[in-house]
Amino acid sequence: MALKELIATIAQALVDDPDSVEVTEIEGDHNSLIELKVAKNDIGKVIGKDGRTAQSMRTILTAASTKIGRRAHLDIVD
């Protein structure tokens, strides 16, 4: 659950409409899939220029998930 909250906190800080941020976590045995959904006009803020913001979020997620012994992947859903 901590990975889901981490991504939600970061996304809410980036967007104009933090109430529209939805994060779902699909757990497997040793891995998790985190899906992030934001408002249409905030999608660019979450992805960033050349995808740098999204890649940074994925790097943070990987570091946090490695620390707790899991693997995680972040998908940004339209």
N, C-alpha and C. Protein backbone atom coordinates (compact mmCIF):
# COMPACT_ATOMS: atom_id res chain seq x y z
N MET A 1 0.82 -1.20 0.00
CA MET A 1 0.00 0.00 0.00
C MET A 1 0.86 1.27 0.00
N ALA A 2 2.06 1.19 0.51
CA ALA A 2 2.92 2.38 0.59
C ALA A 2 3.31 2.88 -0.81
N LEU A 3 3.49 1.98 -1.77
CA LEU A 3 3.86 2.39 -3.12
C LEU A 3 2.74 3.19 -3.77
N LYS A 4 1.52 2.74 -3.56
CA LYS A 4 0.34 3.43 -4.10
C LYS A 4 0.24 4.85 -3.53
N GLU A 5 0.46 4.98 -2.24
CA GLU A 5 0.39 6.29 -1.58
C GLU A 5 1.52 7.21 -2.04
N LEU A 6 2.69 6.64 -2.29
CA LEU A 6 3.83 7.42 -2.76
C LEU A 6 3.52 8.06 -4.11
N ILE A 7 3.03 7.28 -5.05
CA ILE A 7 2.69 7.79 -6.38
C ILE A 7 1.55 8.80 -6.30
N ALA A 8 0.55 8.54 -5.47
CA ALA A 8 -0.57 9.47 -5.31
C ALA A 8 -0.10 10.81 -4.78
N THR A 9 0.79 10.80 -3.81
CA THR A 9 1.31 12.05 -3.23
C THR A 9 2.09 12.85 -4.26
N ILE A 10 2.94 12.19 -5.01
CA ILE A 10 3.73 12.89 -6.04
C ILE A 10 2.81 13.47 -7.11
N ALA A 11 1.86 12.68 -7.59
CA ALA A 11 0.95 13.13 -8.65
C ALA A 11 0.09 14.29 -8.19
N GLN A 12 -0.42 14.24 -6.96
CA GLN A 12 -1.26 15.32 -6.45
C GLN A 12 -0.48 16.63 -6.33
N ALA A 13 0.81 16.54 -6.07
CA ALA A 13 1.64 17.75 -5.98
C ALA A 13 1.90 18.36 -7.36
N LEU A 14 1.84 17.54 -8.41
CA LEU A 14 2.16 18.01 -9.76
C LEU A 14 0.97 18.63 -10.50
N VAL A 15 -0.24 18.15 -10.26
CA VAL A 15 -1.40 18.51 -11.08
C VAL A 15 -2.16 19.71 -10.52
N ASP A 16 -3.01 20.30 -11.37
CA ASP A 16 -3.86 21.42 -10.96
C ASP A 16 -5.10 20.94 -10.21
N ASP A 17 -5.57 19.74 -10.54
CA ASP A 17 -6.78 19.19 -9.92
C ASP A 17 -6.41 17.92 -9.13
N PRO A 18 -5.91 18.06 -7.90
CA PRO A 18 -5.46 16.88 -7.15
C PRO A 18 -6.60 15.93 -6.77
N ASP A 19 -7.84 16.39 -6.77
CA ASP A 19 -8.96 15.52 -6.44
C ASP A 19 -9.24 14.48 -7.53
N SER A 20 -8.77 14.74 -8.74
CA SER A 20 -9.03 13.81 -9.84
C SER A 20 -7.98 12.70 -9.96
N VAL A 21 -6.97 12.73 -9.10
CA VAL A 21 -5.91 11.72 -9.15
C VAL A 21 -6.45 10.39 -8.61
N GLU A 22 -6.32 9.34 -9.42
CA GLU A 22 -6.73 8.00 -9.01
C GLU A 22 -5.54 7.06 -9.21
N VAL A 23 -5.21 6.31 -8.16
CA VAL A 23 -4.11 5.36 -8.23
C VAL A 23 -4.65 3.99 -7.83
N THR A 24 -4.42 3.00 -8.69
CA THR A 24 -4.80 1.63 -8.36
C THR A 24 -3.56 0.76 -8.39
N GLU A 25 -3.55 -0.22 -7.53
CA GLU A 25 -2.41 -1.13 -7.45
C GLU A 25 -2.88 -2.56 -7.67
N ILE A 26 -2.26 -3.22 -8.63
CA ILE A 26 -2.57 -4.62 -8.92
C ILE A 26 -1.36 -5.43 -8.45
N GLU A 27 -1.55 -6.23 -7.42
CA GLU A 27 -0.44 -6.94 -6.82
C GLU A 27 -0.32 -8.36 -7.34
N GLY A 28 0.91 -8.77 -7.57
CA GLY A 28 1.22 -10.14 -7.92
C GLY A 28 1.99 -10.76 -6.77
N ASP A 29 2.73 -11.85 -7.03
CA ASP A 29 3.49 -12.50 -5.97
C ASP A 29 4.63 -11.61 -5.47
N HIS A 30 5.48 -11.17 -6.37
CA HIS A 30 6.62 -10.34 -5.99
C HIS A 30 6.67 -9.04 -6.79
N ASN A 31 5.56 -8.70 -7.42
CA ASN A 31 5.56 -7.49 -8.23
C ASN A 31 4.22 -6.77 -8.10
N SER A 32 4.22 -5.51 -8.48
CA SER A 32 3.02 -4.68 -8.44
C SER A 32 2.94 -3.85 -9.71
N LEU A 33 1.72 -3.63 -10.15
CA LEU A 33 1.46 -2.73 -11.27
C LEU A 33 0.68 -1.55 -10.70
N ILE A 34 1.25 -0.37 -10.80
CA ILE A 34 0.60 0.84 -10.30
C ILE A 34 0.05 1.58 -11.51
N GLU A 35 -1.26 1.85 -11.51
CA GLU A 35 -1.89 2.60 -12.59
C GLU A 35 -2.29 3.97 -12.07
N LEU A 36 -1.85 5.00 -12.78
CA LEU A 36 -2.12 6.38 -12.39
C LEU A 36 -3.06 7.01 -13.41
N LYS A 37 -4.13 7.59 -12.93
CA LYS A 37 -5.11 8.25 -13.80
C LYS A 37 -5.32 9.67 -13.27
N VAL A 38 -5.18 10.66 -14.17
CA VAL A 38 -5.38 12.06 -13.82
C VAL A 38 -6.35 12.70 -14.81
N ALA A 39 -6.75 13.94 -14.55
CA ALA A 39 -7.63 14.66 -15.46
C ALA A 39 -6.94 14.86 -16.81
N LYS A 40 -7.75 14.98 -17.87
CA LYS A 40 -7.21 15.13 -19.24
C LYS A 40 -6.22 16.29 -19.36
N ASN A 41 -6.55 17.44 -18.75
CA ASN A 41 -5.68 18.61 -18.91
C ASN A 41 -4.45 18.55 -18.01
N ASP A 42 -4.35 17.55 -17.13
CA ASP A 42 -3.18 17.41 -16.27
C ASP A 42 -2.23 16.31 -16.73
N ILE A 43 -2.57 15.59 -17.77
CA ILE A 43 -1.75 14.46 -18.22
C ILE A 43 -0.35 14.92 -18.65
N GLY A 44 -0.26 16.09 -19.25
CA GLY A 44 1.04 16.62 -19.67
C GLY A 44 1.94 16.95 -18.50
N LYS A 45 1.36 17.38 -17.41
CA LYS A 45 2.14 17.71 -16.22
C LYS A 45 2.72 16.46 -15.57
N VAL A 46 1.99 15.37 -15.65
CA VAL A 46 2.46 14.12 -15.05
C VAL A 46 3.52 13.46 -15.93
N ILE A 47 3.36 13.58 -17.24
CA ILE A 47 4.34 12.98 -18.16
C ILE A 47 5.59 13.85 -18.27
N GLY A 48 5.41 15.15 -18.38
CA GLY A 48 6.55 16.06 -18.45
C GLY A 48 7.16 16.15 -19.83
N LYS A 49 8.09 17.06 -19.98
CA LYS A 49 8.76 17.26 -21.26
C LYS A 49 9.64 16.05 -21.57
N ASP A 50 9.41 15.47 -22.74
CA ASP A 50 10.10 14.26 -23.20
C ASP A 50 9.94 13.09 -22.23
N GLY A 51 8.89 13.10 -21.40
CA GLY A 51 8.64 12.01 -20.48
C GLY A 51 9.53 11.99 -19.26
N ARG A 52 10.21 13.10 -18.99
CA ARG A 52 11.16 13.14 -17.89
C ARG A 52 10.50 13.02 -16.52
N THR A 53 9.36 13.66 -16.34
CA THR A 53 8.67 13.58 -15.05
C THR A 53 8.18 12.16 -14.79
N ALA A 54 7.61 11.54 -15.80
CA ALA A 54 7.14 10.15 -15.65
C ALA A 54 8.32 9.22 -15.36
N GLN A 55 9.42 9.43 -16.04
CA GLN A 55 10.59 8.59 -15.81
C GLN A 55 11.15 8.79 -14.41
N SER A 56 11.11 10.00 -13.92
CA SER A 56 11.56 10.27 -12.55
C SER A 56 10.66 9.58 -11.53
N MET A 57 9.35 9.62 -11.78
CA MET A 57 8.43 8.92 -10.89
C MET A 57 8.69 7.42 -10.90
N ARG A 58 9.00 6.88 -12.06
CA ARG A 58 9.30 5.45 -12.16
C ARG A 58 10.60 5.10 -11.42
N THR A 59 11.58 6.00 -11.48
CA THR A 59 12.85 5.77 -10.78
C THR A 59 12.63 5.76 -9.27
N ILE A 60 11.85 6.70 -8.77
CA ILE A 60 11.54 6.75 -7.34
C ILE A 60 10.77 5.50 -6.93
N LEU A 61 9.81 5.09 -7.75
CA LEU A 61 9.02 3.89 -7.47
C LEU A 61 9.90 2.65 -7.43
N THR A 62 10.83 2.54 -8.36
CA THR A 62 11.73 1.39 -8.40
C THR A 62 12.60 1.35 -7.14
N ALA A 63 13.11 2.50 -6.73
CA ALA A 63 13.95 2.55 -5.52
C ALA A 63 13.15 2.16 -4.28
N ALA A 64 11.93 2.66 -4.18
CA ALA A 64 11.10 2.35 -3.01
C ALA A 64 10.68 0.88 -3.00
N SER A 65 10.34 0.34 -4.16
CA SER A 65 9.90 -1.05 -4.21
C SER A 65 11.06 -2.02 -3.97
N THR A 66 12.25 -1.67 -4.42
CA THR A 66 13.42 -2.51 -4.18
C THR A 66 13.72 -2.58 -2.69
N LYS A 67 13.52 -1.48 -2.01
CA LYS A 67 13.79 -1.42 -0.58
C LYS A 67 12.89 -2.37 0.21
N ILE A 68 11.66 -2.58 -0.27
CA ILE A 68 10.75 -3.49 0.44
C ILE A 68 10.73 -4.89 -0.19
N GLY A 69 11.63 -5.13 -1.14
CA GLY A 69 11.77 -6.46 -1.72
C GLY A 69 10.74 -6.82 -2.78
N ARG A 70 10.24 -5.84 -3.48
CA ARG A 70 9.25 -6.09 -4.53
C ARG A 70 9.73 -5.42 -5.81
N ARG A 71 9.02 -5.69 -6.90
CA ARG A 71 9.24 -4.98 -8.17
C ARG A 71 7.95 -4.26 -8.48
N ALA A 72 8.07 -3.07 -9.05
CA ALA A 72 6.88 -2.28 -9.36
C ALA A 72 7.04 -1.62 -10.72
N HIS A 73 5.91 -1.44 -11.40
CA HIS A 73 5.88 -0.78 -12.69
C HIS A 73 4.76 0.26 -12.67
N LEU A 74 5.03 1.43 -13.22
CA LEU A 74 4.05 2.51 -13.24
C LEU A 74 3.50 2.68 -14.65
N ASP A 75 2.19 2.64 -14.78
CA ASP A 75 1.50 2.93 -16.04
C ASP A 75 0.65 4.18 -15.83
N ILE A 76 0.75 5.11 -16.77
CA ILE A 76 -0.08 6.31 -16.74
C ILE A 76 -1.21 6.07 -17.74
N VAL A 77 -2.43 6.03 -17.22
CA VAL A 77 -3.60 5.65 -18.02
C VAL A 77 -4.34 6.91 -18.46
N ASP A 78 -4.79 6.93 -19.73
CA ASP A 78 -5.57 8.05 -20.24
C ASP A 78 -6.97 8.03 -19.69
